[in-house]
């Protein structure tokens, strides 16, 4: 099974929880250049079930919870319990935390059995050692016609590495719906 990975940073090398990483991942400067509402606004509607895969400290999770409204659900997933706890505290303090289901997935499985309309992986796919497995699981989790937005950091993921991830997405059954422009990122919108 092939894997796509960064040439500068080995796959599986997680951005581990620390106060510094939380500050780097969720701050006003980053939100200015990578505004969650602008990035996700065209894809998320009230009442949807959406997944923030690799939610980190919850910057996108909070925005997604606002977008899905009172009838929607956000599943915030991360392999690090410390990141999930940090995200939970931030979302409870700054947003509609009751719309969010917190899920700790294992490095080997998403473990999400609820069908979703939309999945986001923001700057995290390069951290996954077996990207074929990840993309197959995301594909299986999405409802028919569901969308998957993948954004990878240009400073960690080369164009050839991103193309290899896309090949894995095609093997999983995805097709490209678009190539959104996201600051400091290589991005693709995939559709089931």
C-alpha atoms as a PDB file:
ATOM      1  CA  UNK A   1       0.000   0.000   0.000  1.00  0.00           C
ATOM      2  CA  UNK A   2       1.565   3.305  -1.033  1.00  0.00           C
ATOM      3  CA  UNK A   3       1.684   6.346   1.164  1.00  0.00           C
ATOM      4  CA  UNK A   4       2.044   9.987   0.321  1.00  0.00           C
ATOM      5  CA  UNK A   5       4.134  12.043   2.661  1.00  0.00           C
ATOM      6  CA  UNK A   6       6.117  15.191   3.004  1.00  0.00           C
ATOM      7  CA  UNK A   7       9.684  15.088   1.873  1.00  0.00           C
ATOM      8  CA  UNK A   8      10.721  17.524   4.615  1.00  0.00           C
ATOM      9  CA  UNK A   9       8.841  15.968   7.515  1.00  0.00           C
ATOM     10  CA  UNK A  10       8.229  12.238   7.890  1.00  0.00           C
ATOM     11  CA  UNK A  11       4.627  11.042   7.908  1.00  0.00           C
ATOM     12  CA  UNK A  12       3.456  10.211  11.388  1.00  0.00           C
ATOM     13  CA  UNK A  13       5.473  13.078  12.870  1.00  0.00           C
ATOM     14  CA  UNK A  14       2.665  14.734  14.815  1.00  0.00           C
ATOM     15  CA  UNK A  15       2.464  18.353  15.762  1.00  0.00           C
ATOM     16  CA  UNK A  16       2.456  17.403  19.460  1.00  0.00           C
ATOM     17  CA  UNK A  17       0.420  19.261  22.024  1.00  0.00           C
ATOM     18  CA  UNK A  18       2.214  22.133  23.748  1.00  0.00           C
ATOM     19  CA  UNK A  19       1.235  25.676  24.648  1.00  0.00           C
ATOM     20  CA  UNK A  20       3.475  26.904  21.832  1.00  0.00           C
ATOM     21  CA  UNK A  21       1.759  24.662  19.261  1.00  0.00           C
ATOM     22  CA  UNK A  22      -1.655  25.787  20.479  1.00  0.00           C
ATOM     23  CA  UNK A  23      -0.584  29.402  20.060  1.00  0.00           C
ATOM     24  CA  UNK A  24       0.847  28.719  16.589  1.00  0.00           C
ATOM     25  CA  UNK A  25      -2.267  26.820  15.461  1.00  0.00           C
ATOM     26  CA  UNK A  26      -4.924  29.152  16.865  1.00  0.00           C
ATOM     27  CA  UNK A  27      -4.163  32.865  16.898  1.00  0.00           C
ATOM     28  CA  UNK A  28      -5.469  36.070  15.358  1.00  0.00           C
ATOM     29  CA  UNK A  29      -2.658  36.304  12.812  1.00  0.00           C
ATOM     30  CA  UNK A  30      -3.369  32.809  11.478  1.00  0.00           C
ATOM     31  CA  UNK A  31      -7.136  33.409  11.460  1.00  0.00           C
ATOM     32  CA  UNK A  32      -6.528  36.558   9.397  1.00  0.00           C
ATOM     33  CA  UNK A  33      -4.703  34.588   6.671  1.00  0.00           C
ATOM     34  CA  UNK A  34      -6.627  31.319   7.066  1.00  0.00           C
ATOM     35  CA  UNK A  35     -10.072  32.501   8.111  1.00  0.00           C
ATOM     36  CA  UNK A  36     -12.208  29.432   8.904  1.00  0.00           C
ATOM     37  CA  UNK A  37     -15.485  31.124   7.954  1.00  0.00           C
ATOM     38  CA  UNK A  38     -14.168  32.202   4.552  1.00  0.00           C
ATOM     39  CA  UNK A  39     -12.520  28.848   3.867  1.00  0.00           C
ATOM     40  CA  UNK A  40     -15.530  26.733   4.874  1.00  0.00           C
ATOM     41  CA  UNK A  41     -18.482  29.036   4.183  1.00  0.00           C
ATOM     42  CA  UNK A  42     -19.224  27.614   0.730  1.00  0.00           C
ATOM     43  CA  UNK A  43     -19.342  24.012   1.985  1.00  0.00           C
ATOM     44  CA  UNK A  44     -21.132  23.904   5.347  1.00  0.00           C
ATOM     45  CA  UNK A  45     -24.840  24.535   5.850  1.00  0.00           C
ATOM     46  CA  UNK A  46     -27.153  24.443   8.877  1.00  0.00           C
ATOM     47  CA  UNK A  47     -28.207  20.942   9.878  1.00  0.00           C
ATOM     48  CA  UNK A  48     -25.157  19.177   8.443  1.00  0.00           C
ATOM     49  CA  UNK A  49     -22.998  16.607  10.173  1.00  0.00           C
ATOM     50  CA  UNK A  50     -19.379  17.613   9.651  1.00  0.00           C
ATOM     51  CA  UNK A  51     -16.045  16.258  10.834  1.00  0.00           C
ATOM     52  CA  UNK A  52     -12.987  18.299  11.791  1.00  0.00           C
ATOM     53  CA  UNK A  53     -10.352  15.603  11.391  1.00  0.00           C
ATOM     54  CA  UNK A  54      -7.201  16.499  13.297  1.00  0.00           C
ATOM     55  CA  UNK A  55      -9.006  19.339  15.043  1.00  0.00           C
ATOM     56  CA  UNK A  56      -6.005  20.495  17.066  1.00  0.00           C
ATOM     57  CA  UNK A  57      -6.944  23.336  19.437  1.00  0.00           C
ATOM     58  CA  UNK A  58     -10.306  23.842  17.699  1.00  0.00           C
ATOM     59  CA  UNK A  59      -9.983  26.984  15.565  1.00  0.00           C
ATOM     60  CA  UNK A  60     -11.938  25.391  12.699  1.00  0.00           C
ATOM     61  CA  UNK A  61     -14.138  23.375  15.064  1.00  0.00           C
ATOM     62  CA  UNK A  62     -15.611  26.546  16.586  1.00  0.00           C
ATOM     63  CA  UNK A  63     -16.395  28.013  13.171  1.00  0.00           C
ATOM     64  CA  UNK A  64     -17.920  24.743  11.969  1.00  0.00           C
ATOM     65  CA  UNK A  65     -20.170  24.583  15.054  1.00  0.00           C
ATOM     66  CA  UNK A  66     -21.528  28.043  14.261  1.00  0.00           C
ATOM     67  CA  UNK A  67     -22.117  27.100  10.610  1.00  0.00           C
ATOM     68  CA  UNK A  68     -24.041  23.861  11.254  1.00  0.00           C
ATOM     69  CA  UNK A  69     -26.438  25.667  13.584  1.00  0.00           C
ATOM     70  CA  UNK A  70     -28.574  24.226  16.356  1.00  0.00           C
ATOM     71  CA  UNK A  71     -29.677  21.221  14.272  1.00  0.00           C
ATOM     72  CA  UNK A  72     -26.207  20.272  13.067  1.00  0.00           C
ATOM     73  CA  UNK A  73     -23.315  18.363  14.579  1.00  0.00           C
ATOM     74  CA  UNK A  74     -19.556  18.712  14.478  1.00  0.00           C
ATOM     75  CA  UNK A  75     -17.408  15.686  15.231  1.00  0.00           C
ATOM     76  CA  UNK A  76     -14.043  17.009  16.388  1.00  0.00           C
ATOM     77  CA  UNK A  77     -11.480  14.211  16.083  1.00  0.00           C
ATOM     78  CA  UNK A  78      -7.838  14.059  17.052  1.00  0.00           C
ATOM     79  CA  UNK A  79      -5.375  11.348  18.106  1.00  0.00           C
ATOM     80  CA  UNK A  80      -4.088  13.490  20.977  1.00  0.00           C
ATOM     81  CA  UNK A  81      -6.241  13.646  24.089  1.00  0.00           C
ATOM     82  CA  UNK A  82      -4.444  16.862  25.147  1.00  0.00           C
ATOM     83  CA  UNK A  83      -5.457  18.601  21.906  1.00  0.00           C
ATOM     84  CA  UNK A  84      -9.040  17.436  22.315  1.00  0.00           C
ATOM     85  CA  UNK A  85      -9.180  18.734  25.886  1.00  0.00           C
ATOM     86  CA  UNK A  86      -7.673  22.059  24.810  1.00  0.00           C
ATOM     87  CA  UNK A  87     -10.173  22.342  21.931  1.00  0.00           C
ATOM     88  CA  UNK A  88     -13.073  21.419  24.223  1.00  0.00           C
ATOM     89  CA  UNK A  89     -12.142  24.160  26.701  1.00  0.00           C
ATOM     90  CA  UNK A  90     -11.719  26.751  23.945  1.00  0.00           C
ATOM     91  CA  UNK A  91     -15.015  25.820  22.283  1.00  0.00           C
ATOM     92  CA  UNK A  92     -16.906  25.857  25.576  1.00  0.00           C
ATOM     93  CA  UNK A  93     -15.461  29.305  26.313  1.00  0.00           C
ATOM     94  CA  UNK A  94     -15.859  30.855  22.846  1.00  0.00           C
ATOM     95  CA  UNK A  95     -18.635  29.050  21.032  1.00  0.00           C
ATOM     96  CA  UNK A  96     -21.478  26.566  20.845  1.00  0.00           C
ATOM     97  CA  UNK A  97     -19.717  23.604  22.457  1.00  0.00           C
ATOM     98  CA  UNK A  98     -22.968  21.632  22.816  1.00  0.00           C
ATOM     99  CA  UNK A  99     -23.038  21.001  19.031  1.00  0.00           C
ATOM    100  CA  UNK A 100     -19.662  19.286  19.149  1.00  0.00           C
ATOM    101  CA  UNK A 101     -19.019  15.577  19.699  1.00  0.00           C
ATOM    102  CA  UNK A 102     -15.458  14.956  20.875  1.00  0.00           C
ATOM    103  CA  UNK A 103     -13.784  11.877  19.445  1.00  0.00           C
ATOM    104  CA  UNK A 104     -10.326  10.521  20.076  1.00  0.00           C
ATOM    105  CA  UNK A 105      -9.381   8.371  17.129  1.00  0.00           C
ATOM    106  CA  UNK A 106      -6.481   5.946  17.137  1.00  0.00           C
ATOM    107  CA  UNK A 107      -3.496   6.269  14.822  1.00  0.00           C
ATOM    108  CA  UNK A 108      -4.794   3.173  13.005  1.00  0.00           C
ATOM    109  CA  UNK A 109      -8.486   3.993  12.639  1.00  0.00           C
ATOM    110  CA  UNK A 110     -10.866   6.928  12.556  1.00  0.00           C
ATOM    111  CA  UNK A 111     -13.416   4.956  14.523  1.00  0.00           C
ATOM    112  CA  UNK A 112     -16.223   7.254  13.372  1.00  0.00           C
ATOM    113  CA  UNK A 113     -19.384   5.412  12.389  1.00  0.00           C
ATOM    114  CA  UNK A 114     -21.692   8.390  11.914  1.00  0.00           C
ATOM    115  CA  UNK A 115     -22.196   9.393   8.255  1.00  0.00           C
ATOM    116  CA  UNK A 116     -21.017  12.912   7.457  1.00  0.00           C
ATOM    117  CA  UNK A 117     -21.854  15.510   4.838  1.00  0.00           C
ATOM    118  CA  UNK A 118     -18.442  17.175   4.967  1.00  0.00           C
ATOM    119  CA  UNK A 119     -14.961  16.412   6.319  1.00  0.00           C
ATOM    120  CA  UNK A 120     -12.086  18.838   6.819  1.00  0.00           C
ATOM    121  CA  UNK A 121      -8.426  17.874   7.188  1.00  0.00           C
ATOM    122  CA  UNK A 122      -6.529  21.105   7.671  1.00  0.00           C
ATOM    123  CA  UNK A 123      -2.734  20.757   7.675  1.00  0.00           C
ATOM    124  CA  UNK A 124      -2.783  17.225   9.052  1.00  0.00           C
ATOM    125  CA  UNK A 125      -2.831  14.558   6.312  1.00  0.00           C
ATOM    126  CA  UNK A 126       0.960  14.774   6.011  1.00  0.00           C
ATOM    127  CA  UNK A 127       1.139  13.557   9.636  1.00  0.00           C
ATOM    128  CA  UNK A 128      -0.613  10.263   8.789  1.00  0.00           C
ATOM    129  CA  UNK A 129       1.699   7.327   7.975  1.00  0.00           C
ATOM    130  CA  UNK A 130      -0.923   5.324   6.004  1.00  0.00           C
ATOM    131  CA  UNK A 131      -2.720   7.873   3.876  1.00  0.00           C
ATOM    132  CA  UNK A 132      -4.367   5.215   1.706  1.00  0.00           C
ATOM    133  CA  UNK A 133      -6.148   3.840   4.781  1.00  0.00           C
ATOM    134  CA  UNK A 134      -7.105   7.324   5.990  1.00  0.00           C
ATOM    135  CA  UNK A 135      -8.594   8.325   2.644  1.00  0.00           C
ATOM    136  CA  UNK A 136     -10.492   5.029   2.346  1.00  0.00           C
ATOM    137  CA  UNK A 137     -11.972   5.548   5.827  1.00  0.00           C
ATOM    138  CA  UNK A 138     -12.960   9.144   5.095  1.00  0.00           C
ATOM    139  CA  UNK A 139     -14.566   8.015   1.835  1.00  0.00           C
ATOM    140  CA  UNK A 140     -16.550   5.329   3.701  1.00  0.00           C
ATOM    141  CA  UNK A 141     -17.646   7.861   6.350  1.00  0.00           C
ATOM    142  CA  UNK A 142     -19.007  10.389   3.862  1.00  0.00           C
ATOM    143  CA  UNK A 143     -22.586  10.291   2.659  1.00  0.00           C
ATOM    144  CA  UNK A 144     -23.073   9.949  -1.121  1.00  0.00           C
ATOM    145  CA  UNK A 145     -22.109  13.281  -2.661  1.00  0.00           C
ATOM    146  CA  UNK A 146     -20.243  14.285   0.503  1.00  0.00           C
ATOM    147  CA  UNK A 147     -17.225  16.549   0.253  1.00  0.00           C
ATOM    148  CA  UNK A 148     -13.752  16.370   1.746  1.00  0.00           C
ATOM    149  CA  UNK A 149     -11.558  19.470   1.924  1.00  0.00           C
ATOM    150  CA  UNK A 150      -7.848  18.739   2.314  1.00  0.00           C
ATOM    151  CA  UNK A 151      -5.424  21.594   2.888  1.00  0.00           C
ATOM    152  CA  UNK A 152      -1.743  20.891   3.407  1.00  0.00           C
ATOM    153  CA  UNK A 153       0.989  23.372   4.392  1.00  0.00           C
ATOM    154  CA  UNK A 154       3.216  24.395   1.495  1.00  0.00           C
ATOM    155  CA  UNK A 155       6.179  24.600   3.873  1.00  0.00           C
ATOM    156  CA  UNK A 156       5.873  20.902   4.856  1.00  0.00           C
ATOM    157  CA  UNK A 157       4.296  19.244   1.817  1.00  0.00           C
ATOM    158  CA  UNK A 158       5.916  19.431  -1.604  1.00  0.00           C
ATOM    159  CA  UNK A 159       3.875  19.403  -4.796  1.00  0.00           C
ATOM    160  CA  UNK A 160       4.968  15.807  -5.611  1.00  0.00           C
ATOM    161  CA  UNK A 161       3.972  14.677  -2.108  1.00  0.00           C
ATOM    162  CA  UNK A 162       0.582  16.401  -2.490  1.00  0.00           C
ATOM    163  CA  UNK A 163       0.110  14.712  -5.873  1.00  0.00           C
ATOM    164  CA  UNK A 164       0.828  11.315  -4.269  1.00  0.00           C
ATOM    165  CA  UNK A 165      -1.854  12.051  -1.665  1.00  0.00           C
ATOM    166  CA  UNK A 166      -4.253  12.844  -4.533  1.00  0.00           C
ATOM    167  CA  UNK A 167      -3.422   9.499  -6.167  1.00  0.00           C
ATOM    168  CA  UNK A 168      -4.367   7.798  -2.894  1.00  0.00           C
ATOM    169  CA  UNK A 169      -7.619   9.795  -2.893  1.00  0.00           C
ATOM    170  CA  UNK A 170      -8.432   8.575  -6.407  1.00  0.00           C
ATOM    171  CA  UNK A 171      -7.726   4.969  -5.336  1.00  0.00           C
ATOM    172  CA  UNK A 172     -10.186   5.474  -2.460  1.00  0.00           C
ATOM    173  CA  UNK A 173     -12.874   6.555  -4.946  1.00  0.00           C
ATOM    174  CA  UNK A 174     -12.767  10.343  -4.660  1.00  0.00           C
ATOM    175  CA  UNK A 175     -12.910  12.744  -7.564  1.00  0.00           C
ATOM    176  CA  UNK A 176     -11.750  16.348  -7.585  1.00  0.00           C
ATOM    177  CA  UNK A 177     -14.495  18.930  -7.372  1.00  0.00           C
ATOM    178  CA  UNK A 178     -12.278  21.980  -7.032  1.00  0.00           C
ATOM    179  CA  UNK A 179      -8.963  23.510  -6.085  1.00  0.00           C
ATOM    180  CA  UNK A 180      -9.727  26.269  -3.581  1.00  0.00           C
ATOM    181  CA  UNK A 181      -7.048  28.846  -2.922  1.00  0.00           C
ATOM    182  CA  UNK A 182      -6.060  28.850   0.736  1.00  0.00           C
ATOM    183  CA  UNK A 183      -3.188  30.982   1.981  1.00  0.00           C
ATOM    184  CA  UNK A 184       0.060  29.090   2.614  1.00  0.00           C
ATOM    185  CA  UNK A 185      -1.602  25.824   1.562  1.00  0.00           C
ATOM    186  CA  UNK A 186      -2.000  23.294  -1.184  1.00  0.00           C
ATOM    187  CA  UNK A 187      -5.700  22.472  -1.220  1.00  0.00           C
ATOM    188  CA  UNK A 188      -8.211  20.257  -2.947  1.00  0.00           C
ATOM    189  CA  UNK A 189     -11.953  19.736  -2.584  1.00  0.00           C
ATOM    190  CA  UNK A 190     -12.790  16.061  -3.098  1.00  0.00           C
ATOM    191  CA  UNK A 191     -16.229  14.584  -3.654  1.00  0.00           C
ATOM    192  CA  UNK A 192     -17.569  11.108  -3.010  1.00  0.00           C
END
